[in-house]
């Protein structure tokens, strides 16, 4: 019997949260069209705070979904190494 597999959901969720916040900051600080003046600093700070509030949880949700998918694939691969495949009975399909 092998050791239990590590749960991958939490690291993926944390990574998704960080990625979502960083993506929101990069989008907010992107340059405007050529020739237009940059927005004031207080408007940029307000944009960054708003995107951090919205993009962080969405990134965490995506990371959680990817973590669940990776966890399922990992357990499927570990189980297939430990147990031989059973033959499929075509009558039961």
N, C-alpha and C. Protein backbone atom coordinates (compact mmCIF):
# COMPACT_ATOMS: atom_id res chain seq x y z
N UNK A 1 0.85 -1.17 0.00
CA UNK A 1 0.00 0.00 0.00
C UNK A 1 0.90 1.24 0.00
N UNK A 2 0.58 2.20 -0.83
CA UNK A 2 1.41 3.39 -0.94
C UNK A 2 0.90 4.49 0.00
N UNK A 3 1.71 5.51 0.16
CA UNK A 3 1.35 6.63 1.02
C UNK A 3 0.21 7.43 0.38
N UNK A 4 -0.60 8.09 1.19
CA UNK A 4 -1.70 8.87 0.61
C UNK A 4 -1.17 10.02 -0.24
N UNK A 5 -1.91 10.34 -1.28
CA UNK A 5 -1.50 11.40 -2.20
C UNK A 5 -1.71 12.76 -1.55
N UNK A 6 -0.89 13.70 -1.95
CA UNK A 6 -1.01 15.07 -1.43
C UNK A 6 -2.21 15.74 -2.07
N UNK A 7 -2.96 16.51 -1.28
CA UNK A 7 -4.09 17.25 -1.79
C UNK A 7 -3.58 18.47 -2.55
N UNK A 8 -3.91 18.58 -3.81
CA UNK A 8 -3.40 19.65 -4.66
C UNK A 8 -4.34 20.84 -4.78
N UNK A 9 -5.49 20.78 -4.16
CA UNK A 9 -6.49 21.82 -4.37
C UNK A 9 -6.05 23.14 -3.74
N UNK A 10 -5.55 23.11 -2.53
CA UNK A 10 -5.18 24.36 -1.85
C UNK A 10 -4.03 25.09 -2.53
N UNK A 11 -2.94 24.41 -2.91
CA UNK A 11 -1.88 25.15 -3.61
C UNK A 11 -2.34 25.74 -4.94
N UNK A 12 -3.19 25.01 -5.66
CA UNK A 12 -3.71 25.54 -6.92
C UNK A 12 -4.60 26.75 -6.68
N UNK A 13 -5.43 26.72 -5.62
CA UNK A 13 -6.31 27.85 -5.31
C UNK A 13 -5.50 29.08 -4.93
N UNK A 14 -4.45 28.89 -4.14
CA UNK A 14 -3.60 30.02 -3.75
C UNK A 14 -2.87 30.58 -4.96
N UNK A 15 -2.37 29.69 -5.82
CA UNK A 15 -1.72 30.14 -7.05
C UNK A 15 -2.68 30.89 -7.95
N UNK A 16 -3.91 30.41 -8.07
CA UNK A 16 -4.92 31.10 -8.87
C UNK A 16 -5.26 32.47 -8.31
N UNK A 17 -5.33 32.58 -6.98
CA UNK A 17 -5.60 33.87 -6.35
C UNK A 17 -4.48 34.86 -6.66
N UNK A 18 -3.24 34.41 -6.50
CA UNK A 18 -2.10 35.30 -6.77
C UNK A 18 -2.06 35.68 -8.25
N UNK A 19 -2.28 34.70 -9.13
CA UNK A 19 -2.28 34.99 -10.56
C UNK A 19 -3.40 35.96 -10.93
N UNK A 20 -4.59 35.80 -10.35
CA UNK A 20 -5.71 36.69 -10.65
C UNK A 20 -5.43 38.12 -10.22
N UNK A 21 -4.85 38.29 -9.03
CA UNK A 21 -4.54 39.64 -8.54
C UNK A 21 -3.44 40.28 -9.40
N UNK A 22 -2.39 39.52 -9.70
CA UNK A 22 -1.32 40.07 -10.54
C UNK A 22 -1.82 40.42 -11.94
N UNK A 23 -2.68 39.59 -12.49
CA UNK A 23 -3.25 39.88 -13.81
C UNK A 23 -4.08 41.16 -13.76
N UNK A 24 -4.85 41.33 -12.70
CA UNK A 24 -5.64 42.56 -12.56
C UNK A 24 -4.76 43.79 -12.44
N UNK A 25 -3.66 43.70 -11.70
CA UNK A 25 -2.74 44.83 -11.56
C UNK A 25 -2.11 45.16 -12.91
N UNK A 26 -1.69 44.15 -13.65
CA UNK A 26 -1.07 44.39 -14.95
C UNK A 26 -2.07 45.03 -15.91
N UNK A 27 -3.30 44.59 -15.87
CA UNK A 27 -4.32 45.18 -16.75
C UNK A 27 -4.59 46.62 -16.37
N UNK A 28 -4.64 46.92 -15.07
CA UNK A 28 -4.92 48.29 -14.64
C UNK A 28 -3.77 49.23 -14.95
N UNK A 29 -2.55 48.74 -14.90
CA UNK A 29 -1.40 49.61 -15.13
C UNK A 29 -0.96 49.63 -16.58
N UNK A 30 -1.71 48.98 -17.46
CA UNK A 30 -1.35 48.97 -18.88
C UNK A 30 -1.46 50.39 -19.43
N UNK A 31 -0.61 50.73 -20.39
CA UNK A 31 -0.66 52.09 -20.94
C UNK A 31 -1.95 52.33 -21.73
N UNK A 32 -2.35 53.58 -21.74
CA UNK A 32 -3.54 53.97 -22.51
C UNK A 32 -3.17 54.09 -23.98
N UNK A 33 -4.11 54.53 -24.79
CA UNK A 33 -3.85 54.78 -26.20
C UNK A 33 -2.78 55.86 -26.33
N UNK A 34 -2.06 55.82 -27.43
CA UNK A 34 -1.01 56.80 -27.64
C UNK A 34 -1.62 58.19 -27.74
N UNK A 35 -0.99 59.11 -27.07
CA UNK A 35 -1.44 60.50 -27.12
C UNK A 35 -2.43 60.89 -26.04
N UNK A 36 -3.00 59.93 -25.33
CA UNK A 36 -3.94 60.28 -24.26
C UNK A 36 -3.16 60.38 -22.95
N UNK A 37 -3.54 61.31 -22.10
CA UNK A 37 -2.81 61.45 -20.83
C UNK A 37 -3.13 60.28 -19.89
N UNK A 38 -2.20 59.99 -19.01
CA UNK A 38 -2.40 58.94 -18.02
C UNK A 38 -3.43 59.39 -17.00
N UNK A 39 -4.22 58.46 -16.45
CA UNK A 39 -5.19 58.84 -15.44
C UNK A 39 -4.48 59.25 -14.14
N UNK A 40 -5.17 59.99 -13.29
CA UNK A 40 -4.55 60.38 -12.02
C UNK A 40 -4.22 59.16 -11.15
N UNK A 41 -3.31 59.36 -10.22
CA UNK A 41 -2.84 58.25 -9.39
C UNK A 41 -3.97 57.69 -8.52
N UNK A 42 -4.82 58.55 -7.99
CA UNK A 42 -5.90 58.05 -7.13
C UNK A 42 -6.88 57.19 -7.93
N UNK A 43 -7.09 57.51 -9.19
CA UNK A 43 -7.96 56.68 -10.02
C UNK A 43 -7.32 55.33 -10.30
N UNK A 44 -6.00 55.32 -10.49
CA UNK A 44 -5.30 54.06 -10.72
C UNK A 44 -5.34 53.18 -9.47
N UNK A 45 -5.17 53.78 -8.30
CA UNK A 45 -5.22 53.02 -7.04
C UNK A 45 -6.62 52.45 -6.84
N UNK A 46 -7.65 53.22 -7.15
CA UNK A 46 -9.03 52.75 -7.03
C UNK A 46 -9.29 51.59 -7.99
N UNK A 47 -8.76 51.68 -9.20
CA UNK A 47 -8.91 50.59 -10.18
C UNK A 47 -8.21 49.32 -9.68
N UNK A 48 -7.01 49.47 -9.14
CA UNK A 48 -6.27 48.31 -8.65
C UNK A 48 -7.02 47.64 -7.49
N UNK A 49 -7.56 48.44 -6.58
CA UNK A 49 -8.32 47.87 -5.46
C UNK A 49 -9.57 47.15 -5.95
N UNK A 50 -10.26 47.74 -6.92
CA UNK A 50 -11.47 47.10 -7.44
C UNK A 50 -11.15 45.80 -8.16
N UNK A 51 -10.10 45.80 -8.95
CA UNK A 51 -9.77 44.55 -9.65
C UNK A 51 -9.23 43.49 -8.69
N UNK A 52 -8.55 43.90 -7.62
CA UNK A 52 -8.08 42.92 -6.64
C UNK A 52 -9.26 42.26 -5.95
N UNK A 53 -10.31 43.04 -5.69
CA UNK A 53 -11.49 42.48 -5.03
C UNK A 53 -12.20 41.48 -5.95
N UNK A 54 -12.26 41.79 -7.24
CA UNK A 54 -12.99 40.92 -8.16
C UNK A 54 -12.13 39.82 -8.78
N UNK A 55 -10.91 40.13 -9.17
CA UNK A 55 -10.09 39.15 -9.88
C UNK A 55 -9.50 38.10 -8.93
N UNK A 56 -9.26 38.45 -7.69
CA UNK A 56 -8.70 37.49 -6.74
C UNK A 56 -9.60 36.29 -6.51
N UNK A 57 -10.87 36.49 -6.14
CA UNK A 57 -11.74 35.33 -5.94
C UNK A 57 -12.00 34.53 -7.22
N UNK A 58 -12.09 35.21 -8.36
CA UNK A 58 -12.28 34.47 -9.61
C UNK A 58 -11.04 33.63 -9.93
N UNK A 59 -9.87 34.18 -9.68
CA UNK A 59 -8.64 33.40 -9.87
C UNK A 59 -8.57 32.21 -8.92
N UNK A 60 -9.02 32.42 -7.67
CA UNK A 60 -9.03 31.32 -6.71
C UNK A 60 -10.02 30.24 -7.12
N UNK A 61 -11.16 30.64 -7.69
CA UNK A 61 -12.14 29.66 -8.14
C UNK A 61 -11.60 28.83 -9.31
N UNK A 62 -10.93 29.50 -10.24
CA UNK A 62 -10.32 28.77 -11.37
C UNK A 62 -9.23 27.85 -10.85
N UNK A 63 -8.41 28.34 -9.92
CA UNK A 63 -7.36 27.51 -9.34
C UNK A 63 -7.92 26.31 -8.60
N UNK A 64 -9.05 26.48 -7.92
CA UNK A 64 -9.68 25.36 -7.22
C UNK A 64 -10.16 24.31 -8.22
N UNK A 65 -10.76 24.76 -9.30
CA UNK A 65 -11.20 23.81 -10.33
C UNK A 65 -10.04 23.06 -10.95
N UNK A 66 -8.95 23.76 -11.24
CA UNK A 66 -7.78 23.10 -11.80
C UNK A 66 -7.15 22.15 -10.78
N UNK A 67 -7.17 22.55 -9.50
CA UNK A 67 -6.63 21.68 -8.46
C UNK A 67 -7.45 20.40 -8.30
N UNK A 68 -8.78 20.52 -8.39
CA UNK A 68 -9.61 19.33 -8.32
C UNK A 68 -9.37 18.41 -9.50
N UNK A 69 -9.19 19.02 -10.67
CA UNK A 69 -8.90 18.24 -11.87
C UNK A 69 -7.55 17.52 -11.73
N UNK A 70 -6.54 18.23 -11.27
CA UNK A 70 -5.22 17.63 -11.09
C UNK A 70 -5.25 16.55 -10.01
N UNK A 71 -6.02 16.78 -8.95
CA UNK A 71 -6.14 15.79 -7.88
C UNK A 71 -6.81 14.51 -8.39
N UNK A 72 -7.84 14.67 -9.20
CA UNK A 72 -8.51 13.51 -9.77
C UNK A 72 -7.61 12.73 -10.71
N UNK A 73 -6.86 13.45 -11.55
CA UNK A 73 -5.93 12.77 -12.47
C UNK A 73 -4.84 12.05 -11.68
N UNK A 74 -4.34 12.70 -10.63
CA UNK A 74 -3.29 12.09 -9.82
C UNK A 74 -3.79 10.81 -9.15
N UNK A 75 -4.99 10.85 -8.58
CA UNK A 75 -5.51 9.66 -7.91
C UNK A 75 -5.82 8.56 -8.92
N UNK A 76 -6.27 8.93 -10.11
CA UNK A 76 -6.53 7.94 -11.15
C UNK A 76 -5.23 7.26 -11.58
N UNK A 77 -4.16 8.04 -11.76
CA UNK A 77 -2.89 7.47 -12.15
C UNK A 77 -2.29 6.60 -11.05
N UNK A 78 -2.43 7.04 -9.80
CA UNK A 78 -1.90 6.25 -8.69
C UNK A 78 -2.66 4.93 -8.55
N UNK A 79 -3.97 5.00 -8.75
CA UNK A 79 -4.78 3.80 -8.62
C UNK A 79 -4.49 2.83 -9.76
N UNK A 80 -4.25 3.36 -10.96
CA UNK A 80 -4.00 2.47 -12.09
C UNK A 80 -2.64 1.79 -11.96
N UNK A 81 -1.69 2.41 -11.26
CA UNK A 81 -0.40 1.76 -11.03
C UNK A 81 -0.53 0.64 -10.00
N UNK A 82 -1.36 0.85 -8.98
CA UNK A 82 -1.48 -0.12 -7.90
C UNK A 82 -2.37 -1.32 -8.27
N UNK A 83 -3.44 -1.07 -8.99
CA UNK A 83 -4.40 -2.13 -9.29
C UNK A 83 -4.37 -2.43 -10.78
N UNK A 84 -4.45 -3.69 -11.14
CA UNK A 84 -4.56 -4.01 -12.57
C UNK A 84 -5.93 -3.61 -13.10
N UNK A 85 -5.99 -3.32 -14.38
CA UNK A 85 -7.26 -2.96 -14.99
C UNK A 85 -8.17 -4.17 -15.07
N UNK A 86 -9.44 -3.96 -14.78
CA UNK A 86 -10.40 -5.03 -14.88
C UNK A 86 -10.92 -5.10 -16.31
N UNK A 87 -11.17 -6.28 -16.82
CA UNK A 87 -11.73 -6.36 -18.17
C UNK A 87 -13.15 -5.82 -18.19
N UNK A 88 -13.50 -5.16 -19.27
CA UNK A 88 -14.83 -4.56 -19.40
C UNK A 88 -15.78 -5.61 -19.98
N UNK A 89 -16.89 -5.78 -19.32
CA UNK A 89 -17.91 -6.71 -19.82
C UNK A 89 -18.83 -5.93 -20.74
N UNK A 90 -18.92 -6.27 -22.02
CA UNK A 90 -19.75 -5.49 -22.94
C UNK A 90 -21.24 -5.62 -22.64
N UNK A 91 -21.65 -6.63 -21.90
CA UNK A 91 -23.08 -6.78 -21.58
C UNK A 91 -23.53 -5.77 -20.55
N UNK A 92 -22.61 -5.24 -19.71
CA UNK A 92 -22.99 -4.32 -18.65
C UNK A 92 -22.90 -2.86 -19.07
N UNK A 93 -22.52 -2.58 -20.29
CA UNK A 93 -22.38 -1.18 -20.71
C UNK A 93 -23.70 -0.57 -21.04
